[in-house]
C-alpha cells in the first residue's frame, strides 16, 4: 500500500517518550511513534513486546507514567476511552465488542441511539444511517436485519469499522483485525482499511503478519521488550529486515548506516 505521504506537516497523533511499568516491569520504555493523515502505521513485535500496551495508552485504557500525547500538535490528556473518543480516536479490538443478539444498526448506535420526538428509539432512522455508511465502506453488505452473530468475520469487522467512522473517528486503532479470518474475509478487511486511508484517517494497525503489514502499511514500527527497535517506511525494508527487527531487536537499516 505504500505511497507518498506528506510528513512535512503536523502528525494527526504523536506519542512522545511514552513509558509505563507494571509491578516494576517496564512494559513500555520511552517509545515515540506518530501517524499522519491518510497513513497506515503498523505495530509489530512478539507477544509481550509492549505494542498493545502502548496503543492502549492512546486508547485511554492505561495512563502512561511519563511522556506525552499530541493531537494535531496540541498536547492532550487521555485518561479514559471517553477522553480518547473526544479526540476522535476509536479502537477496534480483535474481540470487536459487538452485541451478538442485535443487528448491524443497533450495534452501530449502541449507547448512542437515535431517539424520536416521543423519546422512542428510531429504528428506521438508525437503519437508514447504517445503510448510508455501509454503502461507503462495504457496498456488498446486505444483512441489515439479522443479528450480528449470523454475520461472517469480515462482515462483523465492517460493522465495527462503520461504528468508528460514523462517529467521526480521525484516528483508528485496529488490533489484529484479520486474525482467524479466511482469505476472502481478510481481503474484505484490507479493502476497508484502504477506504479509511483514502478518506484521510490515520490508522495504527497491530498485527503479527509481516506479509500483511508490507501490503497494507506505509510505515512499520517494531517493538521488543518494551522498547522501539525502529520505524521504517515499508519501501525501504524487506520482510526479512522486519523479521530481524522482531527477533533480534536490531534495525538492519541503522546497523548498515
C-alpha atoms as a PDB file:
ATOM      1  CA  UNK A   1       0.000   0.000   0.000  1.00  0.00           C
ATOM      2  CA  UNK A   2       2.970   2.269   0.456  1.00  0.00           C
ATOM      3  CA  UNK A   3       2.724   5.597  -1.304  1.00  0.00           C
ATOM      4  CA  UNK A   4       3.952   9.123  -0.796  1.00  0.00           C
ATOM      5  CA  UNK A   5       2.569  10.570   2.432  1.00  0.00           C
ATOM      6  CA  UNK A   6       3.102  14.241   3.213  1.00  0.00           C
ATOM      7  CA  UNK A   7       5.020  14.138   6.505  1.00  0.00           C
ATOM      8  CA  UNK A   8       6.145  17.768   6.317  1.00  0.00           C
ATOM      9  CA  UNK A   9       3.155  18.956   8.331  1.00  0.00           C
ATOM     10  CA  UNK A  10       1.822  18.100  11.771  1.00  0.00           C
ATOM     11  CA  UNK A  11       1.023  14.461  12.604  1.00  0.00           C
ATOM     12  CA  UNK A  12      -2.582  13.567  13.412  1.00  0.00           C
ATOM     13  CA  UNK A  13      -1.289  11.989  16.594  1.00  0.00           C
ATOM     14  CA  UNK A  14       2.145  11.844  18.155  1.00  0.00           C
ATOM     15  CA  UNK A  15       3.188   9.800  21.174  1.00  0.00           C
ATOM     16  CA  UNK A  16       6.470  11.080  22.633  1.00  0.00           C
ATOM     17  CA  UNK A  17       8.749   9.194  25.034  1.00  0.00           C
ATOM     18  CA  UNK A  18       5.916   7.086  26.425  1.00  0.00           C
ATOM     19  CA  UNK A  19       6.775   4.869  29.396  1.00  0.00           C
ATOM     20  CA  UNK A  20       4.711   2.661  31.679  1.00  0.00           C
ATOM     21  CA  UNK A  21       5.608  -0.023  34.219  1.00  0.00           C
ATOM     22  CA  UNK A  22       3.509  -2.681  35.938  1.00  0.00           C
ATOM     23  CA  UNK A  23       4.786  -4.036  39.237  1.00  0.00           C
ATOM     24  CA  UNK A  24       8.326  -2.968  38.485  1.00  0.00           C
ATOM     25  CA  UNK A  25       8.334  -4.434  34.979  1.00  0.00           C
ATOM     26  CA  UNK A  26       8.929  -1.821  32.288  1.00  0.00           C
ATOM     27  CA  UNK A  27       6.215  -2.632  29.742  1.00  0.00           C
ATOM     28  CA  UNK A  28       6.908   0.401  27.528  1.00  0.00           C
ATOM     29  CA  UNK A  29      10.206   2.271  27.701  1.00  0.00           C
ATOM     30  CA  UNK A  30      10.437   5.788  26.169  1.00  0.00           C
ATOM     31  CA  UNK A  31       8.668   4.929  22.907  1.00  0.00           C
ATOM     32  CA  UNK A  32       7.785   7.561  20.309  1.00  0.00           C
ATOM     33  CA  UNK A  33       5.506   6.940  17.317  1.00  0.00           C
ATOM     34  CA  UNK A  34       3.233   9.051  15.128  1.00  0.00           C
ATOM     35  CA  UNK A  35       0.755   8.811  12.273  1.00  0.00           C
ATOM     36  CA  UNK A  36      -0.179  11.305   9.559  1.00  0.00           C
ATOM     37  CA  UNK A  37      -3.492  11.808   7.723  1.00  0.00           C
ATOM     38  CA  UNK A  38      -4.105   9.050   5.194  1.00  0.00           C
ATOM     39  CA  UNK A  39      -1.342   6.874   6.630  1.00  0.00           C
ATOM     40  CA  UNK A  40      -1.304   3.320   7.979  1.00  0.00           C
ATOM     41  CA  UNK A  41       1.391   2.636  10.570  1.00  0.00           C
ATOM     42  CA  UNK A  42       1.922  -0.984  11.535  1.00  0.00           C
ATOM     43  CA  UNK A  43       2.963  -2.069  15.031  1.00  0.00           C
ATOM     44  CA  UNK A  44       4.821  -5.358  15.179  1.00  0.00           C
ATOM     45  CA  UNK A  45       6.529  -7.421  17.850  1.00  0.00           C
ATOM     46  CA  UNK A  46       6.325 -10.673  19.773  1.00  0.00           C
ATOM     47  CA  UNK A  47       3.704 -11.120  22.476  1.00  0.00           C
ATOM     48  CA  UNK A  48       4.887  -9.039  25.422  1.00  0.00           C
ATOM     49  CA  UNK A  49       6.828  -6.625  23.205  1.00  0.00           C
ATOM     50  CA  UNK A  50       4.684  -3.751  24.504  1.00  0.00           C
ATOM     51  CA  UNK A  51       2.805  -2.817  21.337  1.00  0.00           C
ATOM     52  CA  UNK A  52      -0.686  -3.471  22.716  1.00  0.00           C
ATOM     53  CA  UNK A  53       0.158  -1.687  25.979  1.00  0.00           C
ATOM     54  CA  UNK A  54       1.445   1.330  24.039  1.00  0.00           C
ATOM     55  CA  UNK A  55      -1.685   1.552  21.943  1.00  0.00           C
ATOM     56  CA  UNK A  56      -3.955   1.073  24.977  1.00  0.00           C
ATOM     57  CA  UNK A  57      -2.409   4.252  26.387  1.00  0.00           C
ATOM     58  CA  UNK A  58      -3.579   6.094  23.277  1.00  0.00           C
ATOM     59  CA  UNK A  59      -6.986   4.401  23.578  1.00  0.00           C
ATOM     60  CA  UNK A  60      -7.345   5.547  27.190  1.00  0.00           C
ATOM     61  CA  UNK A  61      -7.250   2.083  28.764  1.00  0.00           C
ATOM     62  CA  UNK A  62      -3.967   2.870  30.559  1.00  0.00           C
ATOM     63  CA  UNK A  63      -2.372   6.109  31.761  1.00  0.00           C
ATOM     64  CA  UNK A  64       1.313   6.481  30.907  1.00  0.00           C
ATOM     65  CA  UNK A  65       3.805   7.012  33.747  1.00  0.00           C
ATOM     66  CA  UNK A  66       5.643   9.550  31.597  1.00  0.00           C
ATOM     67  CA  UNK A  67       5.684  11.015  28.115  1.00  0.00           C
ATOM     68  CA  UNK A  68       3.081  12.998  26.229  1.00  0.00           C
ATOM     69  CA  UNK A  69       0.428  12.643  23.548  1.00  0.00           C
ATOM     70  CA  UNK A  70      -0.199  15.344  20.945  1.00  0.00           C
ATOM     71  CA  UNK A  71      -3.245  15.523  18.679  1.00  0.00           C
ATOM     72  CA  UNK A  72      -2.766  17.852  15.706  1.00  0.00           C
ATOM     73  CA  UNK A  73       0.232  19.313  17.516  1.00  0.00           C
ATOM     74  CA  UNK A  74      -1.657  20.053  20.746  1.00  0.00           C
ATOM     75  CA  UNK A  75      -0.815  18.229  23.968  1.00  0.00           C
ATOM     76  CA  UNK A  76      -3.798  16.293  25.315  1.00  0.00           C
ATOM     77  CA  UNK A  77      -4.560  14.331  28.467  1.00  0.00           C
ATOM     78  CA  UNK A  78      -6.166  10.964  27.755  1.00  0.00           C
ATOM     79  CA  UNK A  79      -7.278   9.236  30.955  1.00  0.00           C
ATOM     80  CA  UNK A  80     -10.165   7.093  29.674  1.00  0.00           C
ATOM     81  CA  UNK A  81     -11.689   5.664  26.484  1.00  0.00           C
ATOM     82  CA  UNK A  82     -14.218   8.528  26.659  1.00  0.00           C
ATOM     83  CA  UNK A  83     -11.324  11.014  26.544  1.00  0.00           C
ATOM     84  CA  UNK A  84      -9.930   9.186  23.511  1.00  0.00           C
ATOM     85  CA  UNK A  85     -13.279   9.372  21.697  1.00  0.00           C
ATOM     86  CA  UNK A  86     -13.433  13.103  22.490  1.00  0.00           C
ATOM     87  CA  UNK A  87     -10.240  13.399  20.440  1.00  0.00           C
ATOM     88  CA  UNK A  88     -11.755  11.281  17.613  1.00  0.00           C
ATOM     89  CA  UNK A  89      -9.731   8.180  18.477  1.00  0.00           C
ATOM     90  CA  UNK A  90     -11.632   4.911  18.023  1.00  0.00           C
ATOM     91  CA  UNK A  91     -10.316   1.436  18.816  1.00  0.00           C
ATOM     92  CA  UNK A  92     -11.419  -1.747  17.075  1.00  0.00           C
ATOM     93  CA  UNK A  93     -10.287  -4.670  19.192  1.00  0.00           C
ATOM     94  CA  UNK A  94      -9.919  -8.224  17.941  1.00  0.00           C
ATOM     95  CA  UNK A  95     -12.912  -9.198  20.101  1.00  0.00           C
ATOM     96  CA  UNK A  96     -14.932  -6.383  18.416  1.00  0.00           C
ATOM     97  CA  UNK A  97     -17.224  -5.840  21.435  1.00  0.00           C
ATOM     98  CA  UNK A  98     -20.371  -6.323  19.376  1.00  0.00           C
ATOM     99  CA  UNK A  99     -23.714  -7.363  20.892  1.00  0.00           C
ATOM    100  CA  UNK A 100     -24.356 -10.690  19.126  1.00  0.00           C
ATOM    101  CA  UNK A 101     -28.132 -10.605  19.584  1.00  0.00           C
ATOM    102  CA  UNK A 102     -28.536  -7.189  17.927  1.00  0.00           C
ATOM    103  CA  UNK A 103     -28.462  -6.321  14.232  1.00  0.00           C
ATOM    104  CA  UNK A 104     -25.940  -4.073  12.457  1.00  0.00           C
ATOM    105  CA  UNK A 105     -27.725  -0.758  13.038  1.00  0.00           C
ATOM    106  CA  UNK A 106     -28.434  -1.484  16.724  1.00  0.00           C
ATOM    107  CA  UNK A 107     -24.726  -2.256  17.168  1.00  0.00           C
ATOM    108  CA  UNK A 108     -23.614   0.807  15.257  1.00  0.00           C
ATOM    109  CA  UNK A 109     -25.680   3.075  17.530  1.00  0.00           C
ATOM    110  CA  UNK A 110     -25.310   1.042  20.744  1.00  0.00           C
ATOM    111  CA  UNK A 111     -25.308   3.536  23.617  1.00  0.00           C
ATOM    112  CA  UNK A 112     -25.793   6.410  21.165  1.00  0.00           C
ATOM    113  CA  UNK A 113     -29.219   5.569  19.771  1.00  0.00           C
ATOM    114  CA  UNK A 114     -31.234   7.958  17.598  1.00  0.00           C
ATOM    115  CA  UNK A 115     -34.322   8.960  19.557  1.00  0.00           C
ATOM    116  CA  UNK A 116     -37.533  10.333  18.017  1.00  0.00           C
ATOM    117  CA  UNK A 117     -39.842  13.100  19.174  1.00  0.00           C
ATOM    118  CA  UNK A 118     -41.553  10.935  21.807  1.00  0.00           C
ATOM    119  CA  UNK A 119     -38.334   9.616  23.317  1.00  0.00           C
ATOM    120  CA  UNK A 120     -38.546   6.295  21.493  1.00  0.00           C
ATOM    121  CA  UNK A 121     -35.617   4.721  19.664  1.00  0.00           C
ATOM    122  CA  UNK A 122     -35.979   5.424  15.939  1.00  0.00           C
ATOM    123  CA  UNK A 123     -35.030   2.059  14.396  1.00  0.00           C
ATOM    124  CA  UNK A 124     -35.790   3.122  10.824  1.00  0.00           C
ATOM    125  CA  UNK A 125     -33.580   6.221  11.094  1.00  0.00           C
ATOM    126  CA  UNK A 126     -30.730   4.124  12.511  1.00  0.00           C
ATOM    127  CA  UNK A 127     -31.050   1.560   9.708  1.00  0.00           C
ATOM    128  CA  UNK A 128     -31.109   4.335   7.088  1.00  0.00           C
ATOM    129  CA  UNK A 129     -27.909   5.813   8.525  1.00  0.00           C
ATOM    130  CA  UNK A 130     -26.316   2.362   8.713  1.00  0.00           C
ATOM    131  CA  UNK A 131     -27.147   1.740   5.048  1.00  0.00           C
ATOM    132  CA  UNK A 132     -25.512   5.067   4.123  1.00  0.00           C
ATOM    133  CA  UNK A 133     -22.254   4.377   5.937  1.00  0.00           C
ATOM    134  CA  UNK A 134     -22.129   0.781   4.693  1.00  0.00           C
ATOM    135  CA  UNK A 135     -22.655   1.954   1.111  1.00  0.00           C
ATOM    136  CA  UNK A 136     -19.478   3.972   1.574  1.00  0.00           C
ATOM    137  CA  UNK A 137     -17.419   1.312   3.327  1.00  0.00           C
ATOM    138  CA  UNK A 138     -18.696  -2.057   2.142  1.00  0.00           C
ATOM    139  CA  UNK A 139     -21.256  -1.771  -0.704  1.00  0.00           C
ATOM    140  CA  UNK A 140     -21.734  -5.551  -0.751  1.00  0.00           C
ATOM    141  CA  UNK A 141     -23.094  -5.603   2.805  1.00  0.00           C
ATOM    142  CA  UNK A 142     -26.756  -6.677   2.704  1.00  0.00           C
ATOM    143  CA  UNK A 143     -27.536  -8.320   6.056  1.00  0.00           C
ATOM    144  CA  UNK A 144     -29.061  -5.370   7.880  1.00  0.00           C
ATOM    145  CA  UNK A 145     -31.863  -7.181   9.708  1.00  0.00           C
ATOM    146  CA  UNK A 146     -30.103 -10.245  11.150  1.00  0.00           C
ATOM    147  CA  UNK A 147     -28.242 -10.486  14.470  1.00  0.00           C
ATOM    148  CA  UNK A 148     -24.522  -9.887  14.023  1.00  0.00           C
ATOM    149  CA  UNK A 149     -23.945 -13.395  15.391  1.00  0.00           C
ATOM    150  CA  UNK A 150     -25.113 -14.589  11.947  1.00  0.00           C
ATOM    151  CA  UNK A 151     -22.504 -12.485  10.115  1.00  0.00           C
ATOM    152  CA  UNK A 152     -19.117 -13.630   8.865  1.00  0.00           C
ATOM    153  CA  UNK A 153     -15.936 -12.357  10.481  1.00  0.00           C
ATOM    154  CA  UNK A 154     -15.338  -9.815   7.736  1.00  0.00           C
ATOM    155  CA  UNK A 155     -18.907  -8.549   7.922  1.00  0.00           C
ATOM    156  CA  UNK A 156     -18.589  -8.146  11.684  1.00  0.00           C
ATOM    157  CA  UNK A 157     -15.423  -6.131  11.149  1.00  0.00           C
ATOM    158  CA  UNK A 158     -17.409  -3.976   8.698  1.00  0.00           C
ATOM    159  CA  UNK A 159     -19.939  -3.177  11.429  1.00  0.00           C
ATOM    160  CA  UNK A 160     -17.220  -2.329  13.971  1.00  0.00           C
ATOM    161  CA  UNK A 161     -15.367  -0.114  11.478  1.00  0.00           C
ATOM    162  CA  UNK A 162     -18.613   1.582  10.376  1.00  0.00           C
ATOM    163  CA  UNK A 163     -19.355   2.424  14.019  1.00  0.00           C
ATOM    164  CA  UNK A 164     -15.957   4.111  14.383  1.00  0.00           C
ATOM    165  CA  UNK A 165     -16.239   6.065  11.142  1.00  0.00           C
ATOM    166  CA  UNK A 166     -19.849   7.141  11.651  1.00  0.00           C
ATOM    167  CA  UNK A 167     -18.942   8.808  14.930  1.00  0.00           C
ATOM    168  CA  UNK A 168     -16.271  10.901  13.248  1.00  0.00           C
ATOM    169  CA  UNK A 169     -13.107   8.971  14.020  1.00  0.00           C
ATOM    170  CA  UNK A 170      -9.943  10.629  12.743  1.00  0.00           C
ATOM    171  CA  UNK A 171      -7.556   8.082  14.252  1.00  0.00           C
ATOM    172  CA  UNK A 172      -8.407   4.378  14.191  1.00  0.00           C
ATOM    173  CA  UNK A 173      -6.569   1.711  16.176  1.00  0.00           C
ATOM    174  CA  UNK A 174      -7.043  -1.802  14.783  1.00  0.00           C
ATOM    175  CA  UNK A 175      -5.854  -4.725  16.892  1.00  0.00           C
ATOM    176  CA  UNK A 176      -5.277  -7.885  14.814  1.00  0.00           C
ATOM    177  CA  UNK A 177      -8.253  -7.141  12.519  1.00  0.00           C
ATOM    178  CA  UNK A 178      -7.703 -10.167  10.270  1.00  0.00           C
ATOM    179  CA  UNK A 179      -6.865 -12.754  12.946  1.00  0.00           C
ATOM    180  CA  UNK A 180      -8.784 -16.003  12.376  1.00  0.00           C
ATOM    181  CA  UNK A 181     -10.297 -14.744   9.108  1.00  0.00           C
ATOM    182  CA  UNK A 182     -10.208 -16.633   5.793  1.00  0.00           C
ATOM    183  CA  UNK A 183      -8.615 -15.301   2.620  1.00  0.00           C
ATOM    184  CA  UNK A 184     -11.768 -13.637   1.259  1.00  0.00           C
ATOM    185  CA  UNK A 185     -12.618 -12.118   4.640  1.00  0.00           C
ATOM    186  CA  UNK A 186      -9.072 -10.816   5.032  1.00  0.00           C
ATOM    187  CA  UNK A 187      -9.310  -9.161   1.618  1.00  0.00           C
ATOM    188  CA  UNK A 188     -12.569  -7.518   2.700  1.00  0.00           C
ATOM    189  CA  UNK A 189     -10.931  -6.017   5.789  1.00  0.00           C
ATOM    190  CA  UNK A 190      -7.926  -4.912   3.698  1.00  0.00           C
ATOM    191  CA  UNK A 191     -10.326  -3.076   1.376  1.00  0.00           C
ATOM    192  CA  UNK A 192     -11.946  -1.396   4.383  1.00  0.00           C
ATOM    193  CA  UNK A 193      -8.548  -0.227   5.636  1.00  0.00           C
ATOM    194  CA  UNK A 194      -7.715   1.184   2.194  1.00  0.00           C
ATOM    195  CA  UNK A 195     -11.056   3.018   2.143  1.00  0.00           C
ATOM    196  CA  UNK A 196     -10.387   4.605   5.552  1.00  0.00           C
ATOM    197  CA  UNK A 197      -6.933   5.604   4.364  1.00  0.00           C
ATOM    198  CA  UNK A 198      -8.371   7.227   1.225  1.00  0.00           C
ATOM    199  CA  UNK A 199     -10.678   9.292   3.446  1.00  0.00           C
ATOM    200  CA  UNK A 200      -7.658  10.753   5.258  1.00  0.00           C
ATOM    201  CA  UNK A 201      -7.872   8.828   8.518  1.00  0.00           C
ATOM    202  CA  UNK A 202      -4.721   7.826  10.387  1.00  0.00           C
ATOM    203  CA  UNK A 203      -4.576   4.138  11.254  1.00  0.00           C
ATOM    204  CA  UNK A 204      -2.470   2.206  13.746  1.00  0.00           C
ATOM    205  CA  UNK A 205      -2.548  -1.454  12.743  1.00  0.00           C
ATOM    206  CA  UNK A 206      -1.371  -4.128  15.188  1.00  0.00           C
ATOM    207  CA  UNK A 207      -0.582  -7.486  13.608  1.00  0.00           C
ATOM    208  CA  UNK A 208       1.768 -10.465  13.755  1.00  0.00           C
ATOM    209  CA  UNK A 209       1.533 -10.943   9.987  1.00  0.00           C
ATOM    210  CA  UNK A 210       4.586  -9.340   8.366  1.00  0.00           C
ATOM    211  CA  UNK A 211       3.290 -10.006   4.837  1.00  0.00           C
ATOM    212  CA  UNK A 212       0.027  -8.230   5.657  1.00  0.00           C
ATOM    213  CA  UNK A 213       1.965  -5.313   7.107  1.00  0.00           C
ATOM    214  CA  UNK A 214       4.065  -4.981   3.950  1.00  0.00           C
ATOM    215  CA  UNK A 215       0.880  -4.925   1.861  1.00  0.00           C
ATOM    216  CA  UNK A 216      -1.231  -2.569   3.987  1.00  0.00           C
ATOM    217  CA  UNK A 217       1.137  -0.211   5.783  1.00  0.00           C
ATOM    218  CA  UNK A 218       3.089   2.884   4.798  1.00  0.00           C
ATOM    219  CA  UNK A 219       5.456   2.568   7.759  1.00  0.00           C
ATOM    220  CA  UNK A 220       6.119  -0.143  10.309  1.00  0.00           C
ATOM    221  CA  UNK A 221       7.242   0.309  13.917  1.00  0.00           C
ATOM    222  CA  UNK A 222       8.785  -2.706  15.632  1.00  0.00           C
ATOM    223  CA  UNK A 223       8.943  -3.140  19.403  1.00  0.00           C
ATOM    224  CA  UNK A 224      10.885  -5.628  21.515  1.00  0.00           C
ATOM    225  CA  UNK A 225      10.986  -5.885  25.312  1.00  0.00           C
ATOM    226  CA  UNK A 226       9.078  -2.616  25.692  1.00  0.00           C
ATOM    227  CA  UNK A 227      11.459  -0.579  23.532  1.00  0.00           C
ATOM    228  CA  UNK A 228      11.155   0.713  19.971  1.00  0.00           C
ATOM    229  CA  UNK A 229      13.581  -1.105  17.678  1.00  0.00           C
ATOM    230  CA  UNK A 230      12.803   1.264  14.836  1.00  0.00           C
ATOM    231  CA  UNK A 231      10.270   2.777  12.457  1.00  0.00           C
ATOM    232  CA  UNK A 232      10.792   2.373   8.709  1.00  0.00           C
ATOM    233  CA  UNK A 233       8.914   3.042   5.501  1.00  0.00           C
ATOM    234  CA  UNK A 234       7.873  -0.287   4.008  1.00  0.00           C
ATOM    235  CA  UNK A 235       9.510   0.519   0.666  1.00  0.00           C
ATOM    236  CA  UNK A 236      12.856   0.871   2.477  1.00  0.00           C
ATOM    237  CA  UNK A 237      12.844  -2.569   4.110  1.00  0.00           C
ATOM    238  CA  UNK A 238      12.302  -6.207   3.211  1.00  0.00           C
ATOM    239  CA  UNK A 239      10.193  -8.721   5.077  1.00  0.00           C
ATOM    240  CA  UNK A 240      13.460 -10.272   6.300  1.00  0.00           C
ATOM    241  CA  UNK A 241      14.532  -6.881   7.671  1.00  0.00           C
ATOM    242  CA  UNK A 242      11.307  -6.662   9.670  1.00  0.00           C
ATOM    243  CA  UNK A 243      11.700 -10.224  10.970  1.00  0.00           C
ATOM    244  CA  UNK A 244      15.255  -9.378  12.057  1.00  0.00           C
ATOM    245  CA  UNK A 245      13.928  -6.370  13.960  1.00  0.00           C
ATOM    246  CA  UNK A 246      11.269  -8.507  15.657  1.00  0.00           C
ATOM    247  CA  UNK A 247      13.516 -11.464  16.541  1.00  0.00           C
ATOM    248  CA  UNK A 248      16.920  -9.865  17.138  1.00  0.00           C
ATOM    249  CA  UNK A 249      15.810  -6.405  18.227  1.00  0.00           C
ATOM    250  CA  UNK A 250      18.191  -4.837  15.710  1.00  0.00           C
ATOM    251  CA  UNK A 251      17.390  -2.495  12.858  1.00  0.00           C
ATOM    252  CA  UNK A 252      19.407  -3.575   9.772  1.00  0.00           C
ATOM    253  CA  UNK A 253      18.894  -0.136   8.209  1.00  0.00           C
ATOM    254  CA  UNK A 254      20.531   1.546  11.203  1.00  0.00           C
ATOM    255  CA  UNK A 255      23.234  -1.114  11.594  1.00  0.00           C
ATOM    256  CA  UNK A 256      24.316  -0.538   7.997  1.00  0.00           C
ATOM    257  CA  UNK A 257      24.398   3.244   8.392  1.00  0.00           C
END
